[in-house]
Amino acid sequence: MVNSIFIAKVLDALIAESADKDLLKAQLPFITEEETDYTGVGVFVNFSHEEEAEAFKAESGALEGVTITSPLLPMGASAILFITDGIIDMLEIFALDGEYPMEELSEFTLVVNRLQ
């Protein structure tokens, strides 16, 4: 299970518009943050998964279409969720102005801006 409230909400927002939303939601209890890498421009979150997630494989690809606003992000940020071999694999979040804080956001708003 994902421990970060921020990351969990970003995942929920990206998955909500996906054609495979039921399969991806079913994977959520079986994935955890394995590694988080803040780059200064954004953050990469790599996930590990328990074997049970394999029962809910979705179509591989990328989901995008969420804008993140926060006092720490003057121009906002965007997020992309990568699905590899049918399993939630990596989340990339990047600042639209190229400067992302080196910490998890605690104050934020998510706006779904595109249907998948």
PDB file of N, CA and C in Angstrom:
ATOM      1  N   MET A   1       0.843  -1.175   0.000  1.00  0.00           N
ATOM      2  CA  MET A   1       0.000   0.000   0.000  1.00  0.00           C
ATOM      3  C   MET A   1       0.890   1.241   0.000  1.00  0.00           C
ATOM      4  N   VAL A   2       0.457   2.265  -0.708  1.00  0.00           N
ATOM      5  CA  VAL A   2       1.210   3.511  -0.802  1.00  0.00           C
ATOM      6  C   VAL A   2       1.077   4.278   0.509  1.00  0.00           C
ATOM      7  N   ASN A   3       2.207   4.699   1.066  1.00  0.00           N
ATOM      8  CA  ASN A   3       2.219   5.384   2.363  1.00  0.00           C
ATOM      9  C   ASN A   3       1.970   6.882   2.253  1.00  0.00           C
ATOM     10  N   SER A   4       2.413   7.490   1.179  1.00  0.00           N
ATOM     11  CA  SER A   4       2.296   8.937   1.004  1.00  0.00           C
ATOM     12  C   SER A   4       0.881   9.334   0.587  1.00  0.00           C
ATOM     13  N   ILE A   5       0.276  10.232   1.344  1.00  0.00           N
ATOM     14  CA  ILE A   5      -1.060  10.729   0.992  1.00  0.00           C
ATOM     15  C   ILE A   5      -1.012  11.458  -0.347  1.00  0.00           C
ATOM     16  N   PHE A   6       0.009  12.280  -0.554  1.00  0.00           N
ATOM     17  CA  PHE A   6       0.157  13.016  -1.807  1.00  0.00           C
ATOM     18  C   PHE A   6       0.249  12.057  -2.994  1.00  0.00           C
ATOM     19  N   ILE A   7       1.137  11.087  -2.921  1.00  0.00           N
ATOM     20  CA  ILE A   7       1.320  10.137  -4.033  1.00  0.00           C
ATOM     21  C   ILE A   7       0.044   9.331  -4.253  1.00  0.00           C
ATOM     22  N   ALA A   8      -0.607   8.897  -3.189  1.00  0.00           N
ATOM     23  CA  ALA A   8      -1.853   8.133  -3.320  1.00  0.00           C
ATOM     24  C   ALA A   8      -2.925   8.942  -4.037  1.00  0.00           C
ATOM     25  N   LYS A   9      -3.025  10.231  -3.730  1.00  0.00           N
ATOM     26  CA  LYS A   9      -4.033  11.075  -4.378  1.00  0.00           C
ATOM     27  C   LYS A   9      -3.699  11.323  -5.848  1.00  0.00           C
ATOM     28  N   VAL A  10      -2.422  11.476  -6.168  1.00  0.00           N
ATOM     29  CA  VAL A  10      -2.022  11.633  -7.571  1.00  0.00           C
ATOM     30  C   VAL A  10      -2.350  10.349  -8.338  1.00  0.00           C
ATOM     31  N   LEU A  11      -2.033   9.206  -7.766  1.00  0.00           N
ATOM     32  CA  LEU A  11      -2.365   7.931  -8.412  1.00  0.00           C
ATOM     33  C   LEU A  11      -3.869   7.815  -8.645  1.00  0.00           C
ATOM     34  N   ASP A  12      -4.654   8.109  -7.626  1.00  0.00           N
ATOM     35  CA  ASP A  12      -6.114   8.034  -7.760  1.00  0.00           C
ATOM     36  C   ASP A  12      -6.620   8.929  -8.881  1.00  0.00           C
ATOM     37  N   ALA A  13      -6.089  10.141  -8.974  1.00  0.00           N
ATOM     38  CA  ALA A  13      -6.538  11.085 -10.003  1.00  0.00           C
ATOM     39  C   ALA A  13      -6.169  10.588 -11.397  1.00  0.00           C
ATOM     40  N   LEU A  14      -4.977  10.058 -11.559  1.00  0.00           N
ATOM     41  CA  LEU A  14      -4.566   9.548 -12.872  1.00  0.00           C
ATOM     42  C   LEU A  14      -5.358   8.298 -13.263  1.00  0.00           C
ATOM     43  N   ILE A  15      -5.556   7.420 -12.319  1.00  0.00           N
ATOM     44  CA  ILE A  15      -6.259   6.158 -12.593  1.00  0.00           C
ATOM     45  C   ILE A  15      -7.742   6.383 -12.861  1.00  0.00           C
ATOM     46  N   ALA A  16      -8.338   7.381 -12.238  1.00  0.00           N
ATOM     47  CA  ALA A  16      -9.790   7.606 -12.322  1.00  0.00           C
ATOM     48  C   ALA A  16     -10.307   7.744 -13.747  1.00  0.00           C
ATOM     49  N   GLU A  17      -9.497   8.260 -14.651  1.00  0.00           N
ATOM     50  CA  GLU A  17      -9.938   8.472 -16.030  1.00  0.00           C
ATOM     51  C   GLU A  17      -9.472   7.376 -16.982  1.00  0.00           C
ATOM     52  N   SER A  18      -8.801   6.374 -16.468  1.00  0.00           N
ATOM     53  CA  SER A  18      -8.252   5.313 -17.307  1.00  0.00           C
ATOM     54  C   SER A  18      -9.317   4.300 -17.708  1.00  0.00           C
ATOM     55  N   ALA A  19      -9.182   3.766 -18.904  1.00  0.00           N
ATOM     56  CA  ALA A  19     -10.069   2.687 -19.353  1.00  0.00           C
ATOM     57  C   ALA A  19      -9.891   1.442 -18.476  1.00  0.00           C
ATOM     58  N   ASP A  20      -8.718   1.281 -17.897  1.00  0.00           N
ATOM     59  CA  ASP A  20      -8.413   0.133 -17.036  1.00  0.00           C
ATOM     60  C   ASP A  20      -8.494   0.478 -15.551  1.00  0.00           C
ATOM     61  N   LYS A  21      -9.304   1.483 -15.204  1.00  0.00           N
ATOM     62  CA  LYS A  21      -9.325   1.968 -13.826  1.00  0.00           C
ATOM     63  C   LYS A  21      -9.644   0.877 -12.808  1.00  0.00           C
ATOM     64  N   ASP A  22     -10.527  -0.051 -13.114  1.00  0.00           N
ATOM     65  CA  ASP A  22     -10.872  -1.093 -12.143  1.00  0.00           C
ATOM     66  C   ASP A  22      -9.681  -2.011 -11.866  1.00  0.00           C
ATOM     67  N   LEU A  23      -8.946  -2.373 -12.907  1.00  0.00           N
ATOM     68  CA  LEU A  23      -7.761  -3.220 -12.725  1.00  0.00           C
ATOM     69  C   LEU A  23      -6.669  -2.476 -11.961  1.00  0.00           C
ATOM     70  N   LEU A  24      -6.441  -1.221 -12.315  1.00  0.00           N
ATOM     71  CA  LEU A  24      -5.396  -0.446 -11.655  1.00  0.00           C
ATOM     72  C   LEU A  24      -5.743  -0.167 -10.191  1.00  0.00           C
ATOM     73  N   LYS A  25      -6.999   0.143  -9.906  1.00  0.00           N
ATOM     74  CA  LYS A  25      -7.412   0.352  -8.515  1.00  0.00           C
ATOM     75  C   LYS A  25      -7.219  -0.925  -7.703  1.00  0.00           C
ATOM     76  N   ALA A  26      -7.464  -2.063  -8.320  1.00  0.00           N
ATOM     77  CA  ALA A  26      -7.297  -3.339  -7.618  1.00  0.00           C
ATOM     78  C   ALA A  26      -5.830  -3.615  -7.294  1.00  0.00           C
ATOM     79  N   GLN A  27      -4.897  -3.023  -8.038  1.00  0.00           N
ATOM     80  CA  GLN A  27      -3.465  -3.195  -7.764  1.00  0.00           C
ATOM     81  C   GLN A  27      -2.999  -2.372  -6.562  1.00  0.00           C
ATOM     82  N   LEU A  28      -3.667  -1.266  -6.273  1.00  0.00           N
ATOM     83  CA  LEU A  28      -3.195  -0.313  -5.269  1.00  0.00           C
ATOM     84  C   LEU A  28      -2.868  -0.921  -3.902  1.00  0.00           C
ATOM     85  N   PRO A  29      -3.660  -1.853  -3.383  1.00  0.00           N
ATOM     86  CA  PRO A  29      -3.297  -2.425  -2.072  1.00  0.00           C
ATOM     87  C   PRO A  29      -2.002  -3.239  -2.095  1.00  0.00           C
ATOM     88  N   PHE A  30      -1.520  -3.553  -3.301  1.00  0.00           N
ATOM     89  CA  PHE A  30      -0.367  -4.440  -3.437  1.00  0.00           C
ATOM     90  C   PHE A  30       0.890  -3.737  -3.942  1.00  0.00           C
ATOM     91  N   ILE A  31       0.858  -2.405  -4.047  1.00  0.00           N
ATOM     92  CA  ILE A  31       2.058  -1.681  -4.464  1.00  0.00           C
ATOM     93  C   ILE A  31       2.547  -0.786  -3.330  1.00  0.00           C
ATOM     94  N   THR A  32       3.855  -0.566  -3.289  1.00  0.00           N
ATOM     95  CA  THR A  32       4.459   0.329  -2.298  1.00  0.00           C
ATOM     96  C   THR A  32       5.552   1.155  -2.975  1.00  0.00           C
ATOM     97  N   GLU A  33       5.830   2.314  -2.384  1.00  0.00           N
ATOM     98  CA  GLU A  33       6.925   3.135  -2.874  1.00  0.00           C
ATOM     99  C   GLU A  33       8.230   2.412  -2.567  1.00  0.00           C
ATOM    100  N   GLU A  34       9.001   2.151  -3.597  1.00  0.00           N
ATOM    101  CA  GLU A  34      10.284   1.481  -3.399  1.00  0.00           C
ATOM    102  C   GLU A  34      11.410   2.505  -3.298  1.00  0.00           C
ATOM    103  N   GLU A  35      11.365   3.505  -4.164  1.00  0.00           N
ATOM    104  CA  GLU A  35      12.415   4.520  -4.199  1.00  0.00           C
ATOM    105  C   GLU A  35      11.815   5.836  -4.667  1.00  0.00           C
ATOM    106  N   THR A  36      12.188   6.928  -4.015  1.00  0.00           N
ATOM    107  CA  THR A  36      11.748   8.263  -4.398  1.00  0.00           C
ATOM    108  C   THR A  36      12.988   9.092  -4.680  1.00  0.00           C
ATOM    109  N   ASP A  37      13.046   9.681  -5.881  1.00  0.00           N
ATOM    110  CA  ASP A  37      14.222  10.434  -6.300  1.00  0.00           C
ATOM    111  C   ASP A  37      13.810  11.849  -6.684  1.00  0.00           C
ATOM    112  N   TYR A  38      14.161  12.819  -5.829  1.00  0.00           N
ATOM    113  CA  TYR A  38      13.906  14.228  -6.120  1.00  0.00           C
ATOM    114  C   TYR A  38      15.058  14.749  -6.977  1.00  0.00           C
ATOM    115  N   THR A  39      14.736  15.378  -8.100  1.00  0.00           N
ATOM    116  CA  THR A  39      15.764  15.813  -9.046  1.00  0.00           C
ATOM    117  C   THR A  39      15.970  17.315  -9.079  1.00  0.00           C
ATOM    118  N   GLY A  40      15.096  18.079  -8.443  1.00  0.00           N
ATOM    119  CA  GLY A  40      15.137  19.523  -8.544  1.00  0.00           C
ATOM    120  C   GLY A  40      14.189  20.040  -9.613  1.00  0.00           C
ATOM    121  N   VAL A  41      13.932  19.218 -10.614  1.00  0.00           N
ATOM    122  CA  VAL A  41      12.963  19.526 -11.664  1.00  0.00           C
ATOM    123  C   VAL A  41      11.655  18.793 -11.390  1.00  0.00           C
ATOM    124  N   GLY A  42      11.769  17.692 -10.669  1.00  0.00           N
ATOM    125  CA  GLY A  42      10.603  16.872 -10.374  1.00  0.00           C
ATOM    126  C   GLY A  42      10.958  15.774  -9.399  1.00  0.00           C
ATOM    127  N   VAL A  43      10.140  14.747  -9.438  1.00  0.00           N
ATOM    128  CA  VAL A  43      10.371  13.596  -8.565  1.00  0.00           C
ATOM    129  C   VAL A  43       9.944  12.333  -9.314  1.00  0.00           C
ATOM    130  N   PHE A  44      10.726  11.288  -9.142  1.00  0.00           N
ATOM    131  CA  PHE A  44      10.402   9.969  -9.673  1.00  0.00           C
ATOM    132  C   PHE A  44      10.092   9.065  -8.486  1.00  0.00           C
ATOM    133  N   VAL A  45       8.974   8.363  -8.566  1.00  0.00           N
ATOM    134  CA  VAL A  45       8.604   7.406  -7.532  1.00  0.00           C
ATOM    135  C   VAL A  45       8.509   6.039  -8.205  1.00  0.00           C
ATOM    136  N   ASN A  46       9.407   5.142  -7.811  1.00  0.00           N
ATOM    137  CA  ASN A  46       9.381   3.770  -8.328  1.00  0.00           C
ATOM    138  C   ASN A  46       8.636   2.898  -7.326  1.00  0.00           C
ATOM    139  N   PHE A  47       7.802   2.016  -7.858  1.00  0.00           N
ATOM    140  CA  PHE A  47       6.979   1.156  -7.017  1.00  0.00           C
ATOM    141  C   PHE A  47       7.434  -0.293  -7.110  1.00  0.00           C
ATOM    142  N   SER A  48       7.279  -1.001  -6.019  1.00  0.00           N
ATOM    143  CA  SER A  48       7.406  -2.453  -6.033  1.00  0.00           C
ATOM    144  C   SER A  48       5.995  -3.002  -5.839  1.00  0.00           C
ATOM    145  N   HIS A  49       5.824  -4.253  -6.186  1.00  0.00           N
ATOM    146  CA  HIS A  49       4.484  -4.825  -6.031  1.00  0.00           C
ATOM    147  C   HIS A  49       4.565  -6.245  -5.490  1.00  0.00           C
ATOM    148  N   GLU A  50       3.531  -6.592  -4.763  1.00  0.00           N
ATOM    149  CA  GLU A  50       3.390  -7.961  -4.279  1.00  0.00           C
ATOM    150  C   GLU A  50       2.838  -8.816  -5.419  1.00  0.00           C
ATOM    151  N   GLU A  51       3.025 -10.090  -5.304  1.00  0.00           N
ATOM    152  CA  GLU A  51       2.593 -11.021  -6.351  1.00  0.00           C
ATOM    153  C   GLU A  51       1.093 -10.909  -6.655  1.00  0.00           C
ATOM    154  N   GLU A  52       0.292 -10.562  -5.654  1.00  0.00           N
ATOM    155  CA  GLU A  52      -1.160 -10.462  -5.845  1.00  0.00           C
ATOM    156  C   GLU A  52      -1.552  -9.434  -6.911  1.00  0.00           C
ATOM    157  N   ALA A  53      -0.731  -8.426  -7.121  1.00  0.00           N
ATOM    158  CA  ALA A  53      -1.032  -7.393  -8.126  1.00  0.00           C
ATOM    159  C   ALA A  53      -1.079  -7.977  -9.530  1.00  0.00           C
ATOM    160  N   GLU A  54      -0.364  -9.068  -9.746  1.00  0.00           N
ATOM    161  CA  GLU A  54      -0.290  -9.682 -11.078  1.00  0.00           C
ATOM    162  C   GLU A  54      -1.650 -10.219 -11.541  1.00  0.00           C
ATOM    163  N   ALA A  55      -2.560 -10.428 -10.642  1.00  0.00           N
ATOM    164  CA  ALA A  55      -3.899 -10.906 -11.008  1.00  0.00           C
ATOM    165  C   ALA A  55      -4.740  -9.803 -11.644  1.00  0.00           C
ATOM    166  N   PHE A  56      -4.255  -8.563 -11.588  1.00  0.00           N
ATOM    167  CA  PHE A  56      -5.028  -7.414 -12.071  1.00  0.00           C
ATOM    168  C   PHE A  56      -4.264  -6.633 -13.141  1.00  0.00           C
ATOM    169  N   LYS A  57      -3.596  -7.324 -14.036  1.00  0.00           N
ATOM    170  CA  LYS A  57      -2.792  -6.651 -15.058  1.00  0.00           C
ATOM    171  C   LYS A  57      -3.665  -5.812 -15.983  1.00  0.00           C
ATOM    172  N   ALA A  58      -3.184  -4.612 -16.247  1.00  0.00           N
ATOM    173  CA  ALA A  58      -3.861  -3.666 -17.139  1.00  0.00           C
ATOM    174  C   ALA A  58      -3.028  -3.527 -18.413  1.00  0.00           C
ATOM    175  N   GLU A  59      -3.499  -2.705 -19.320  1.00  0.00           N
ATOM    176  CA  GLU A  59      -2.730  -2.436 -20.529  1.00  0.00           C
ATOM    177  C   GLU A  59      -1.508  -1.598 -20.156  1.00  0.00           C
ATOM    178  N   SER A  60      -0.362  -1.954 -20.696  1.00  0.00           N
ATOM    179  CA  SER A  60       0.859  -1.193 -20.431  1.00  0.00           C
ATOM    180  C   SER A  60       0.814   0.132 -21.183  1.00  0.00           C
ATOM    181  N   GLY A  61       1.507   1.126 -20.648  1.00  0.00           N
ATOM    182  CA  GLY A  61       1.542   2.441 -21.274  1.00  0.00           C
ATOM    183  C   GLY A  61       1.727   3.514 -20.228  1.00  0.00           C
ATOM    184  N   ALA A  62       1.272   4.717 -20.561  1.00  0.00           N
ATOM    185  CA  ALA A  62       1.412   5.856 -19.655  1.00  0.00           C
ATOM    186  C   ALA A  62       0.074   6.569 -19.513  1.00  0.00           C
ATOM    187  N   LEU A  63      -0.209   7.005 -18.294  1.00  0.00           N
ATOM    188  CA  LEU A  63      -1.414   7.782 -18.010  1.00  0.00           C
ATOM    189  C   LEU A  63      -0.979   9.183 -17.607  1.00  0.00           C
ATOM    190  N   GLU A  64      -1.586  10.175 -18.214  1.00  0.00           N
ATOM    191  CA  GLU A  64      -1.296  11.555 -17.848  1.00  0.00           C
ATOM    192  C   GLU A  64      -2.584  12.348 -17.878  1.00  0.00           C
ATOM    193  N   GLY A  65      -2.519  13.602 -17.516  1.00  0.00           N
ATOM    194  CA  GLY A  65      -3.711  14.427 -17.551  1.00  0.00           C
ATOM    195  C   GLY A  65      -4.102  15.006 -16.212  1.00  0.00           C
ATOM    196  N   VAL A  66      -3.135  15.150 -15.300  1.00  0.00           N
ATOM    197  CA  VAL A  66      -3.399  15.759 -13.995  1.00  0.00           C
ATOM    198  C   VAL A  66      -2.448  16.944 -13.821  1.00  0.00           C
ATOM    199  N   THR A  67      -3.010  18.069 -13.425  1.00  0.00           N
ATOM    200  CA  THR A  67      -2.208  19.238 -13.079  1.00  0.00           C
ATOM    201  C   THR A  67      -2.206  19.390 -11.567  1.00  0.00           C
ATOM    202  N   ILE A  68      -1.036  19.661 -11.018  1.00  0.00           N
ATOM    203  CA  ILE A  68      -0.865  19.835  -9.581  1.00  0.00           C
ATOM    204  C   ILE A  68      -0.554  21.300  -9.326  1.00  0.00           C
ATOM    205  N   THR A  69      -1.327  21.907  -8.430  1.00  0.00           N
ATOM    206  CA  THR A  69      -1.014  23.269  -8.006  1.00  0.00           C
ATOM    207  C   THR A  69      -0.657  23.237  -6.527  1.00  0.00           C
ATOM    208  N   SER A  70       0.247  24.152  -6.156  1.00  0.00           N
ATOM    209  CA  SER A  70       0.705  24.229  -4.767  1.00  0.00           C
ATOM    210  C   SER A  70       1.415  25.563  -4.584  1.00  0.00           C
ATOM    211  N   PRO A  71       1.398  26.107  -3.371  1.00  0.00           N
ATOM    212  CA  PRO A  71       2.184  27.318  -3.113  1.00  0.00           C
ATOM    213  C   PRO A  71       3.675  27.127  -3.420  1.00  0.00           C
ATOM    214  N   LEU A  72       4.157  25.891  -3.373  1.00  0.00           N
ATOM    215  CA  LEU A  72       5.564  25.606  -3.667  1.00  0.00           C
ATOM    216  C   LEU A  72       5.843  25.445  -5.160  1.00  0.00           C
ATOM    217  N   LEU A  73       4.781  25.488  -5.975  1.00  0.00           N
ATOM    218  CA  LEU A  73       4.921  25.320  -7.427  1.00  0.00           C
ATOM    219  C   LEU A  73       4.264  26.498  -8.144  1.00  0.00           C
ATOM    220  N   PRO A  74       4.992  27.599  -8.335  1.00  0.00           N
ATOM    221  CA  PRO A  74       4.394  28.808  -8.920  1.00  0.00           C
ATOM    222  C   PRO A  74       3.692  28.573 -10.266  1.00  0.00           C
ATOM    223  N   MET A  75       4.233  27.692 -11.102  1.00  0.00           N
ATOM    224  CA  MET A  75       3.638  27.419 -12.412  1.00  0.00           C
ATOM    225  C   MET A  75       2.887  26.088 -12.445  1.00  0.00           C
ATOM    226  N   GLY A  76       2.879  25.365 -11.341  1.00  0.00           N
ATOM    227  CA  GLY A  76       2.210  24.073 -11.278  1.00  0.00           C
ATOM    228  C   GLY A  76       3.128  22.937 -11.699  1.00  0.00           C
ATOM    229  N   ALA A  77       2.558  21.752 -11.720  1.00  0.00           N
ATOM    230  CA  ALA A  77       3.303  20.550 -12.109  1.00  0.00           C
ATOM    231  C   ALA A  77       2.353  19.607 -12.833  1.00  0.00           C
ATOM    232  N   SER A  78       2.940  18.641 -13.492  1.00  0.00           N
ATOM    233  CA  SER A  78       2.175  17.616 -14.194  1.00  0.00           C
ATOM    234  C   SER A  78       2.701  16.256 -13.764  1.00  0.00           C
ATOM    235  N   ALA A  79       1.908  15.218 -14.005  1.00  0.00           N
ATOM    236  CA  ALA A  79       2.287  13.870 -13.571  1.00  0.00           C
ATOM    237  C   ALA A  79       2.009  12.855 -14.671  1.00  0.00           C
ATOM    238  N   ILE A  80       2.862  11.847 -14.730  1.00  0.00           N
ATOM    239  CA  ILE A  80       2.698  10.731 -15.669  1.00  0.00           C
ATOM    240  C   ILE A  80       2.889   9.440 -14.881  1.00  0.00           C
ATOM    241  N   LEU A  81       1.953   8.520 -15.039  1.00  0.00           N
ATOM    242  CA  LEU A  81       2.045   7.209 -14.399  1.00  0.00           C
ATOM    243  C   LEU A  81       2.384   6.177 -15.460  1.00  0.00           C
ATOM    244  N   PHE A  82       3.458   5.435 -15.241  1.00  0.00           N
ATOM    245  CA  PHE A  82       3.898   4.414 -16.183  1.00  0.00           C
ATOM    246  C   PHE A  82       3.443   3.037 -15.719  1.00  0.00           C
ATOM    247  N   ILE A  83       2.805   2.326 -16.623  1.00  0.00           N
ATOM    248  CA  ILE A  83       2.344   0.957 -16.391  1.00  0.00           C
ATOM    249  C   ILE A  83       3.245   0.049 -17.226  1.00  0.00           C
ATOM    250  N   THR A  84       3.986  -0.848 -16.564  1.00  0.00           N
ATOM    251  CA  THR A  84       4.928  -1.723 -17.252  1.00  0.00           C
ATOM    252  C   THR A  84       4.505  -3.172 -17.033  1.00  0.00           C
ATOM    253  N   ASP A  85       4.422  -3.912 -18.103  1.00  0.00           N
ATOM    254  CA  ASP A  85       3.974  -5.309 -18.035  1.00  0.00           C
ATOM    255  C   ASP A  85       2.649  -5.427 -17.297  1.00  0.00           C
ATOM    256  N   GLY A  86       1.802  -4.394 -17.448  1.00  0.00           N
ATOM    257  CA  GLY A  86       0.470  -4.414 -16.872  1.00  0.00           C
ATOM    258  C   GLY A  86       0.375  -3.991 -15.412  1.00  0.00           C
ATOM    259  N   ILE A  87       1.521  -3.631 -14.801  1.00  0.00           N
ATOM    260  CA  ILE A  87       1.566  -3.312 -13.376  1.00  0.00           C
ATOM    261  C   ILE A  87       2.022  -1.862 -13.181  1.00  0.00           C
ATOM    262  N   ILE A  88       1.440  -1.172 -12.192  1.00  0.00           N
ATOM    263  CA  ILE A  88       1.867   0.177 -11.836  1.00  0.00           C
ATOM    264  C   ILE A  88       3.354   0.124 -11.489  1.00  0.00           C
ATOM    265  N   ASP A  89       4.157   0.936 -12.198  1.00  0.00           N
ATOM    266  CA  ASP A  89       5.609   0.814 -12.100  1.00  0.00           C
ATOM    267  C   ASP A  89       6.300   2.076 -11.594  1.00  0.00           C
ATOM    268  N   MET A  90       5.985   3.234 -12.208  1.00  0.00           N
ATOM    269  CA  MET A  90       6.693   4.458 -11.846  1.00  0.00           C
ATOM    270  C   MET A  90       5.789   5.664 -12.050  1.00  0.00           C
ATOM    271  N   LEU A  91       5.933   6.639 -11.172  1.00  0.00           N
ATOM    272  CA  LEU A  91       5.233   7.912 -11.272  1.00  0.00           C
ATOM    273  C   LEU A  91       6.281   8.993 -11.442  1.00  0.00           C
ATOM    274  N   GLU A  92       6.087   9.831 -12.449  1.00  0.00           N
ATOM    275  CA  GLU A  92       6.956  10.991 -12.659  1.00  0.00           C
ATOM    276  C   GLU A  92       6.125  12.249 -12.458  1.00  0.00           C
ATOM    277  N   ILE A  93       6.613  13.151 -11.628  1.00  0.00           N
ATOM    278  CA  ILE A  93       5.976  14.443 -11.419  1.00  0.00           C
ATOM    279  C   ILE A  93       7.028  15.494 -11.751  1.00  0.00           C
ATOM    280  N   PHE A  94       6.659  16.492 -12.552  1.00  0.00           N
ATOM    281  CA  PHE A  94       7.642  17.504 -12.936  1.00  0.00           C
ATOM    282  C   PHE A  94       7.018  18.891 -12.906  1.00  0.00           C
ATOM    283  N   ALA A  95       7.811  19.848 -12.441  1.00  0.00           N
ATOM    284  CA  ALA A  95       7.375  21.238 -12.358  1.00  0.00           C
ATOM    285  C   ALA A  95       7.342  21.845 -13.751  1.00  0.00           C
ATOM    286  N   LEU A  96       6.310  22.597 -14.034  1.00  0.00           N
ATOM    287  CA  LEU A  96       6.180  23.210 -15.352  1.00  0.00           C
ATOM    288  C   LEU A  96       7.177  24.355 -15.559  1.00  0.00           C
ATOM    289  N   ASP A  97       7.709  24.919 -14.479  1.00  0.00           N
ATOM    290  CA  ASP A  97       8.728  25.966 -14.606  1.00  0.00           C
ATOM    291  C   ASP A  97      10.140  25.424 -14.378  1.00  0.00           C
ATOM    292  N   GLY A  98      10.266  24.113 -14.208  1.00  0.00           N
ATOM    293  CA  GLY A  98      11.580  23.497 -14.066  1.00  0.00           C
ATOM    294  C   GLY A  98      12.162  23.512 -12.666  1.00  0.00           C
ATOM    295  N   GLU A  99      11.393  23.980 -11.659  1.00  0.00           N
ATOM    296  CA  GLU A  99      11.908  24.005 -10.288  1.00  0.00           C
ATOM    297  C   GLU A  99      10.917  23.325  -9.341  1.00  0.00           C
ATOM    298  N   TYR A 100      11.242  22.111  -8.958  1.00  0.00           N
ATOM    299  CA  TYR A 100      10.388  21.327  -8.072  1.00  0.00           C
ATOM    300  C   TYR A 100      11.036  21.276  -6.691  1.00  0.00           C
ATOM    301  N   PRO A 101      10.256  21.425  -5.622  1.00  0.00           N
ATOM    302  CA  PRO A 101      10.838  21.372  -4.273  1.00  0.00           C
ATOM    303  C   PRO A 101      11.433  19.996  -3.969  1.00  0.00           C
ATOM    304  N   MET A 102      12.406  19.973  -3.108  1.00  0.00           N
ATOM    305  CA  MET A 102      13.093  18.727  -2.740  1.00  0.00           C
ATOM    306  C   MET A 102      12.415  18.070  -1.535  1.00  0.00           C
ATOM    307  N   GLU A 103      11.090  18.144  -1.517  1.00  0.00           N
ATOM    308  CA  GLU A 103      10.307  17.579  -0.412  1.00  0.00           C
ATOM    309  C   GLU A 103       8.915  17.225  -0.924  1.00  0.00           C
ATOM    310  N   GLU A 104       8.243  16.369  -0.177  1.00  0.00           N
ATOM    311  CA  GLU A 104       6.880  15.999  -0.544  1.00  0.00           C
ATOM    312  C   GLU A 104       5.939  17.177  -0.299  1.00  0.00           C
ATOM    313  N   LEU A 105       5.012  17.361  -1.216  1.00  0.00           N
ATOM    314  CA  LEU A 105       4.028  18.437  -1.075  1.00  0.00           C
ATOM    315  C   LEU A 105       2.993  18.051  -0.024  1.00  0.00           C
ATOM    316  N   SER A 106       2.710  18.976   0.878  1.00  0.00           N
ATOM    317  CA  SER A 106       1.665  18.737   1.873  1.00  0.00           C
ATOM    318  C   SER A 106       0.426  19.578   1.567  1.00  0.00           C
ATOM    319  N   GLU A 107       0.618  20.681   0.850  1.00  0.00           N
ATOM    320  CA  GLU A 107      -0.494  21.541   0.450  1.00  0.00           C
ATOM    321  C   GLU A 107      -0.551  21.547  -1.074  1.00  0.00           C
ATOM    322  N   PHE A 108      -1.644  21.007  -1.624  1.00  0.00           N
ATOM    323  CA  PHE A 108      -1.741  20.865  -3.075  1.00  0.00           C
ATOM    324  C   PHE A 108      -3.195  20.715  -3.496  1.00  0.00           C
ATOM    325  N   THR A 109      -3.425  20.943  -4.781  1.00  0.00           N
ATOM    326  CA  THR A 109      -4.719  20.695  -5.414  1.00  0.00           C
ATOM    327  C   THR A 109      -4.454  19.945  -6.705  1.00  0.00           C
ATOM    328  N   LEU A 110      -5.295  18.968  -6.996  1.00  0.00           N
ATOM    329  CA  LEU A 110      -5.175  18.202  -8.240  1.00  0.00           C
ATOM    330  C   LEU A 110      -6.333  18.531  -9.153  1.00  0.00           C
ATOM    331  N   VAL A 111      -6.032  18.731 -10.419  1.00  0.00           N
ATOM    332  CA  VAL A 111      -7.059  19.007 -11.416  1.00  0.00           C
ATOM    333  C   VAL A 111      -6.889  18.000 -12.554  1.00  0.00           C
ATOM    334  N   VAL A 112      -7.908  17.185 -12.782  1.00  0.00           N
ATOM    335  CA  VAL A 112      -7.884  16.265 -13.917  1.00  0.00           C
ATOM    336  C   VAL A 112      -8.218  17.082 -15.146  1.00  0.00           C
ATOM    337  N   ASN A 113      -7.312  17.111 -16.123  1.00  0.00           N
ATOM    338  CA  ASN A 113      -7.496  17.983 -17.271  1.00  0.00           C
ATOM    339  C   ASN A 113      -7.594  17.281 -18.594  1.00  0.00           C
ATOM    340  N   ARG A 114      -7.711  15.946 -18.574  1.00  0.00           N
ATOM    341  CA  ARG A 114      -7.824  15.244 -19.841  1.00  0.00           C
ATOM    342  C   ARG A 114      -8.366  13.847 -19.599  1.00  0.00           C
ATOM    343  N   LEU A 115      -9.301  13.446 -20.435  1.00  0.00           N
ATOM    344  CA  LEU A 115      -9.775  12.054 -20.360  1.00  0.00           C
ATOM    345  C   LEU A 115      -8.758  11.163 -21.024  1.00  0.00           C
ATOM    346  N   GLN A 116      -8.555   9.971 -20.460  1.00  0.00           N
ATOM    347  CA  GLN A 116      -7.614   9.016 -21.027  1.00  0.00           C
ATOM    348  C   GLN A 116      -8.252   8.281 -22.170  1.00  0.00           C
TER     349      GLN A 116
END
